[in-house]
Amino acid sequence: LREIRRYQKSTELLIRKLPFQRLEASEAYLVGLFEDTNLCAIHAKRVTIMPKDIQLARRIRG
């Protein structure tokens, strides 16, 4: 119980920030890629994304 109280009183972070930053960065990359992929599919007058849309989006992005 002392250990629980000690952690409740402390303001230090118990879990490191770096893994969460990596997760958020990869999530942002994937969301942006899928947004661009969706635009490629819409441009081709389709509503379903296909592997060729992802390839085109990645090629345009560089």
PDB file of N, CA and C in Angstrom:
ATOM      1  N   LEU A   1       0.816  -1.208   0.000  1.00  0.00           N
ATOM      2  CA  LEU A   1       0.000   0.000   0.000  1.00  0.00           C
ATOM      3  C   LEU A   1       0.853   1.263   0.000  1.00  0.00           C
ATOM      4  N   ARG A   2       2.007   1.194   0.670  1.00  0.00           N
ATOM      5  CA  ARG A   2       2.893   2.365   0.668  1.00  0.00           C
ATOM      6  C   ARG A   2       3.362   2.684  -0.744  1.00  0.00           C
ATOM      7  N   GLU A   3       3.654   1.630  -1.478  1.00  0.00           N
ATOM      8  CA  GLU A   3       4.130   1.829  -2.849  1.00  0.00           C
ATOM      9  C   GLU A   3       3.046   2.485  -3.704  1.00  0.00           C
ATOM     10  N   ILE A   4       1.814   2.080  -3.528  1.00  0.00           N
ATOM     11  CA  ILE A   4       0.698   2.671  -4.272  1.00  0.00           C
ATOM     12  C   ILE A   4       0.563   4.141  -3.919  1.00  0.00           C
ATOM     13  N   ARG A   5       0.611   4.463  -2.632  1.00  0.00           N
ATOM     14  CA  ARG A   5       0.498   5.868  -2.211  1.00  0.00           C
ATOM     15  C   ARG A   5       1.646   6.704  -2.764  1.00  0.00           C
ATOM     16  N   ARG A   6       2.845   6.115  -2.763  1.00  0.00           N
ATOM     17  CA  ARG A   6       4.014   6.842  -3.276  1.00  0.00           C
ATOM     18  C   ARG A   6       3.821   7.180  -4.754  1.00  0.00           C
ATOM     19  N   TYR A   7       3.321   6.223  -5.536  1.00  0.00           N
ATOM     20  CA  TYR A   7       3.093   6.485  -6.957  1.00  0.00           C
ATOM     21  C   TYR A   7       1.945   7.457  -7.177  1.00  0.00           C
ATOM     22  N   GLN A   8       0.940   7.433  -6.321  1.00  0.00           N
ATOM     23  CA  GLN A   8      -0.177   8.367  -6.456  1.00  0.00           C
ATOM     24  C   GLN A   8       0.261   9.796  -6.159  1.00  0.00           C
ATOM     25  N   LYS A   9       1.194   9.966  -5.249  1.00  0.00           N
ATOM     26  CA  LYS A   9       1.666  11.306  -4.892  1.00  0.00           C
ATOM     27  C   LYS A   9       2.673  11.856  -5.903  1.00  0.00           C
ATOM     28  N   SER A  10       3.387  10.974  -6.583  1.00  0.00           N
ATOM     29  CA  SER A  10       4.446  11.435  -7.484  1.00  0.00           C
ATOM     30  C   SER A  10       3.857  11.984  -8.779  1.00  0.00           C
ATOM     31  N   THR A  11       4.630  12.861  -9.416  1.00  0.00           N
ATOM     32  CA  THR A  11       4.206  13.445 -10.694  1.00  0.00           C
ATOM     33  C   THR A  11       5.077  12.948 -11.847  1.00  0.00           C
ATOM     34  N   GLU A  12       6.032  12.084 -11.545  1.00  0.00           N
ATOM     35  CA  GLU A  12       6.917  11.587 -12.604  1.00  0.00           C
ATOM     36  C   GLU A  12       6.170  10.597 -13.502  1.00  0.00           C
ATOM     37  N   LEU A  13       6.634  10.504 -14.748  1.00  0.00           N
ATOM     38  CA  LEU A  13       6.013   9.573 -15.690  1.00  0.00           C
ATOM     39  C   LEU A  13       6.494   8.158 -15.393  1.00  0.00           C
ATOM     40  N   LEU A  14       5.572   7.218 -15.389  1.00  0.00           N
ATOM     41  CA  LEU A  14       5.926   5.831 -15.101  1.00  0.00           C
ATOM     42  C   LEU A  14       6.170   5.033 -16.381  1.00  0.00           C
ATOM     43  N   ILE A  15       5.641   5.525 -17.488  1.00  0.00           N
ATOM     44  CA  ILE A  15       5.840   4.869 -18.781  1.00  0.00           C
ATOM     45  C   ILE A  15       6.571   5.857 -19.681  1.00  0.00           C
ATOM     46  N   ARG A  16       7.549   5.384 -20.424  1.00  0.00           N
ATOM     47  CA  ARG A  16       8.341   6.259 -21.295  1.00  0.00           C
ATOM     48  C   ARG A  16       7.508   6.812 -22.442  1.00  0.00           C
ATOM     49  N   LYS A  17       7.884   8.021 -22.888  1.00  0.00           N
ATOM     50  CA  LYS A  17       7.147   8.692 -23.967  1.00  0.00           C
ATOM     51  C   LYS A  17       7.489   8.154 -25.347  1.00  0.00           C
ATOM     52  N   LEU A  18       8.723   7.700 -25.539  1.00  0.00           N
ATOM     53  CA  LEU A  18       9.211   7.343 -26.872  1.00  0.00           C
ATOM     54  C   LEU A  18       8.370   6.287 -27.596  1.00  0.00           C
ATOM     55  N   PRO A  19       7.963   5.194 -26.943  1.00  0.00           N
ATOM     56  CA  PRO A  19       7.136   4.226 -27.678  1.00  0.00           C
ATOM     57  C   PRO A  19       5.829   4.830 -28.177  1.00  0.00           C
ATOM     58  N   PHE A  20       5.244   5.720 -27.400  1.00  0.00           N
ATOM     59  CA  PHE A  20       3.992   6.349 -27.815  1.00  0.00           C
ATOM     60  C   PHE A  20       4.227   7.331 -28.956  1.00  0.00           C
ATOM     61  N   GLN A  21       5.366   8.017 -28.940  1.00  0.00           N
ATOM     62  CA  GLN A  21       5.688   8.920 -30.043  1.00  0.00           C
ATOM     63  C   GLN A  21       5.866   8.135 -31.335  1.00  0.00           C
ATOM     64  N   ARG A  22       6.515   6.984 -31.245  1.00  0.00           N
ATOM     65  CA  ARG A  22       6.686   6.133 -32.430  1.00  0.00           C
ATOM     66  C   ARG A  22       5.334   5.666 -32.947  1.00  0.00           C
ATOM     67  N   LEU A  23       4.472   5.248 -32.043  1.00  0.00           N
ATOM     68  CA  LEU A  23       3.150   4.767 -32.435  1.00  0.00           C
ATOM     69  C   LEU A  23       2.351   5.879 -33.100  1.00  0.00           C
ATOM     70  N   GLU A  24       2.378   7.074 -32.525  1.00  0.00           N
ATOM     71  CA  GLU A  24       1.632   8.192 -33.103  1.00  0.00           C
ATOM     72  C   GLU A  24       2.198   8.595 -34.460  1.00  0.00           C
ATOM     73  N   ALA A  25       3.510   8.555 -34.612  1.00  0.00           N
ATOM     74  CA  ALA A  25       4.120   8.906 -35.896  1.00  0.00           C
ATOM     75  C   ALA A  25       3.729   7.900 -36.974  1.00  0.00           C
ATOM     76  N   SER A  26       3.765   6.620 -36.634  1.00  0.00           N
ATOM     77  CA  SER A  26       3.390   5.619 -37.642  1.00  0.00           C
ATOM     78  C   SER A  26       1.907   5.686 -37.956  1.00  0.00           C
ATOM     79  N   GLU A  27       1.088   6.002 -36.959  1.00  0.00           N
ATOM     80  CA  GLU A  27      -0.349   6.161 -37.213  1.00  0.00           C
ATOM     81  C   GLU A  27      -0.599   7.348 -38.140  1.00  0.00           C
ATOM     82  N   ALA A  28       0.089   8.458 -37.904  1.00  0.00           N
ATOM     83  CA  ALA A  28      -0.082   9.646 -38.749  1.00  0.00           C
ATOM     84  C   ALA A  28       0.358   9.352 -40.182  1.00  0.00           C
ATOM     85  N   TYR A  29       1.447   8.600 -40.339  1.00  0.00           N
ATOM     86  CA  TYR A  29       1.919   8.239 -41.681  1.00  0.00           C
ATOM     87  C   TYR A  29       0.868   7.405 -42.406  1.00  0.00           C
ATOM     88  N   LEU A  30       0.334   6.387 -41.720  1.00  0.00           N
ATOM     89  CA  LEU A  30      -0.650   5.504 -42.358  1.00  0.00           C
ATOM     90  C   LEU A  30      -1.940   6.235 -42.689  1.00  0.00           C
ATOM     91  N   VAL A  31      -2.393   7.103 -41.799  1.00  0.00           N
ATOM     92  CA  VAL A  31      -3.621   7.862 -42.061  1.00  0.00           C
ATOM     93  C   VAL A  31      -3.429   8.748 -43.287  1.00  0.00           C
ATOM     94  N   GLY A  32      -2.303   9.442 -43.358  1.00  0.00           N
ATOM     95  CA  GLY A  32      -2.029  10.287 -44.523  1.00  0.00           C
ATOM     96  C   GLY A  32      -1.937   9.484 -45.803  1.00  0.00           C
ATOM     97  N   LEU A  33      -1.288   8.317 -45.725  1.00  0.00           N
ATOM     98  CA  LEU A  33      -1.161   7.457 -46.906  1.00  0.00           C
ATOM     99  C   LEU A  33      -2.536   6.994 -47.382  1.00  0.00           C
ATOM    100  N   PHE A  34      -3.402   6.601 -46.454  1.00  0.00           N
ATOM    101  CA  PHE A  34      -4.736   6.149 -46.850  1.00  0.00           C
ATOM    102  C   PHE A  34      -5.593   7.298 -47.370  1.00  0.00           C
ATOM    103  N   GLU A  35      -5.396   8.498 -46.850  1.00  0.00           N
ATOM    104  CA  GLU A  35      -6.124   9.652 -47.396  1.00  0.00           C
ATOM    105  C   GLU A  35      -5.711   9.889 -48.846  1.00  0.00           C
ATOM    106  N   ASP A  36      -4.405   9.861 -49.108  1.00  0.00           N
ATOM    107  CA  ASP A  36      -3.913  10.047 -50.476  1.00  0.00           C
ATOM    108  C   ASP A  36      -4.363   8.903 -51.381  1.00  0.00           C
ATOM    109  N   THR A  37      -4.359   7.682 -50.837  1.00  0.00           N
ATOM    110  CA  THR A  37      -4.809   6.518 -51.603  1.00  0.00           C
ATOM    111  C   THR A  37      -6.273   6.658 -51.982  1.00  0.00           C
ATOM    112  N   ASN A  38      -7.070   7.143 -51.056  1.00  0.00           N
ATOM    113  CA  ASN A  38      -8.497   7.347 -51.335  1.00  0.00           C
ATOM    114  C   ASN A  38      -8.684   8.398 -52.425  1.00  0.00           C
ATOM    115  N   LEU A  39      -7.888   9.458 -52.394  1.00  0.00           N
ATOM    116  CA  LEU A  39      -7.968  10.470 -53.445  1.00  0.00           C
ATOM    117  C   LEU A  39      -7.604   9.880 -54.805  1.00  0.00           C
ATOM    118  N   CYS A  40      -6.616   8.991 -54.833  1.00  0.00           N
ATOM    119  CA  CYS A  40      -6.244   8.333 -56.099  1.00  0.00           C
ATOM    120  C   CYS A  40      -7.399   7.484 -56.620  1.00  0.00           C
ATOM    121  N   ALA A  41      -8.068   6.769 -55.733  1.00  0.00           N
ATOM    122  CA  ALA A  41      -9.197   5.933 -56.153  1.00  0.00           C
ATOM    123  C   ALA A  41     -10.345   6.800 -56.661  1.00  0.00           C
ATOM    124  N   ILE A  42     -10.615   7.894 -55.974  1.00  0.00           N
ATOM    125  CA  ILE A  42     -11.691   8.799 -56.402  1.00  0.00           C
ATOM    126  C   ILE A  42     -11.352   9.403 -57.762  1.00  0.00           C
ATOM    127  N   HIS A  43     -10.093   9.753 -57.968  1.00  0.00           N
ATOM    128  CA  HIS A  43      -9.673  10.316 -59.247  1.00  0.00           C
ATOM    129  C   HIS A  43      -9.900   9.319 -60.388  1.00  0.00           C
ATOM    130  N   ALA A  44      -9.747   8.025 -60.083  1.00  0.00           N
ATOM    131  CA  ALA A  44      -9.967   6.981 -61.088  1.00  0.00           C
ATOM    132  C   ALA A  44     -11.448   6.598 -61.167  1.00  0.00           C
ATOM    133  N   LYS A  45     -12.307   7.404 -60.539  1.00  0.00           N
ATOM    134  CA  LYS A  45     -13.758   7.187 -60.534  1.00  0.00           C
ATOM    135  C   LYS A  45     -14.141   5.850 -59.896  1.00  0.00           C
ATOM    136  N   ARG A  46     -13.444   5.529 -58.804  1.00  0.00           N
ATOM    137  CA  ARG A  46     -13.753   4.332 -58.023  1.00  0.00           C
ATOM    138  C   ARG A  46     -13.949   4.731 -56.575  1.00  0.00           C
ATOM    139  N   VAL A  47     -14.626   3.866 -55.825  1.00  0.00           N
ATOM    140  CA  VAL A  47     -14.777   4.122 -54.394  1.00  0.00           C
ATOM    141  C   VAL A  47     -13.965   3.124 -53.569  1.00  0.00           C
ATOM    142  N   THR A  48     -13.475   2.082 -54.220  1.00  0.00           N
ATOM    143  CA  THR A  48     -12.688   1.056 -53.532  1.00  0.00           C
ATOM    144  C   THR A  48     -11.205   1.302 -53.795  1.00  0.00           C
ATOM    145  N   ILE A  49     -10.421   1.336 -52.710  1.00  0.00           N
ATOM    146  CA  ILE A  49      -8.979   1.505 -52.907  1.00  0.00           C
ATOM    147  C   ILE A  49      -8.371   0.167 -53.323  1.00  0.00           C
ATOM    148  N   MET A  50      -7.340   0.250 -54.132  1.00  0.00           N
ATOM    149  CA  MET A  50      -6.664  -0.945 -54.644  1.00  0.00           C
ATOM    150  C   MET A  50      -5.167  -0.778 -54.427  1.00  0.00           C
ATOM    151  N   PRO A  51      -4.423  -1.887 -54.487  1.00  0.00           N
ATOM    152  CA  PRO A  51      -2.965  -1.782 -54.295  1.00  0.00           C
ATOM    153  C   PRO A  51      -2.301  -0.776 -55.227  1.00  0.00           C
ATOM    154  N   LYS A  52      -2.806  -0.656 -56.455  1.00  0.00           N
ATOM    155  CA  LYS A  52      -2.194   0.298 -57.387  1.00  0.00           C
ATOM    156  C   LYS A  52      -2.387   1.739 -56.919  1.00  0.00           C
ATOM    157  N   ASP A  53      -3.455   2.012 -56.158  1.00  0.00           N
ATOM    158  CA  ASP A  53      -3.655   3.356 -55.607  1.00  0.00           C
ATOM    159  C   ASP A  53      -2.606   3.658 -54.541  1.00  0.00           C
ATOM    160  N   ILE A  54      -2.322   2.670 -53.700  1.00  0.00           N
ATOM    161  CA  ILE A  54      -1.300   2.850 -52.665  1.00  0.00           C
ATOM    162  C   ILE A  54       0.065   3.059 -53.320  1.00  0.00           C
ATOM    163  N   GLN A  55       0.349   2.269 -54.350  1.00  0.00           N
ATOM    164  CA  GLN A  55       1.631   2.413 -55.049  1.00  0.00           C
ATOM    165  C   GLN A  55       1.762   3.797 -55.669  1.00  0.00           C
ATOM    166  N   LEU A  56       0.678   4.289 -56.273  1.00  0.00           N
ATOM    167  CA  LEU A  56       0.710   5.623 -56.877  1.00  0.00           C
ATOM    168  C   LEU A  56       0.904   6.700 -55.813  1.00  0.00           C
ATOM    169  N   ALA A  57       0.181   6.584 -54.702  1.00  0.00           N
ATOM    170  CA  ALA A  57       0.308   7.575 -53.629  1.00  0.00           C
ATOM    171  C   ALA A  57       1.736   7.596 -53.082  1.00  0.00           C
ATOM    172  N   ARG A  58       2.328   6.430 -52.884  1.00  0.00           N
ATOM    173  CA  ARG A  58       3.706   6.367 -52.382  1.00  0.00           C
ATOM    174  C   ARG A  58       4.688   6.929 -53.398  1.00  0.00           C
ATOM    175  N   ARG A  59       4.435   6.675 -54.676  1.00  0.00           N
ATOM    176  CA  ARG A  59       5.334   7.177 -55.725  1.00  0.00           C
ATOM    177  C   ARG A  59       5.270   8.697 -55.803  1.00  0.00           C
ATOM    178  N   ILE A  60       4.067   9.261 -55.695  1.00  0.00           N
ATOM    179  CA  ILE A  60       3.915  10.716 -55.752  1.00  0.00           C
ATOM    180  C   ILE A  60       4.556  11.370 -54.528  1.00  0.00           C
ATOM    181  N   ARG A  61       4.388  10.752 -53.364  1.00  0.00           N
ATOM    182  CA  ARG A  61       4.962  11.299 -52.130  1.00  0.00           C
ATOM    183  C   ARG A  61       6.484  11.341 -52.167  1.00  0.00           C
ATOM    184  N   GLY A  62       7.074  10.399 -52.856  1.00  0.00           N
ATOM    185  CA  GLY A  62       8.534  10.373 -52.952  1.00  0.00           C
ATOM    186  C   GLY A  62       9.089   9.364 -52.050  1.00  0.00           C
TER     187      GLY A  62
END
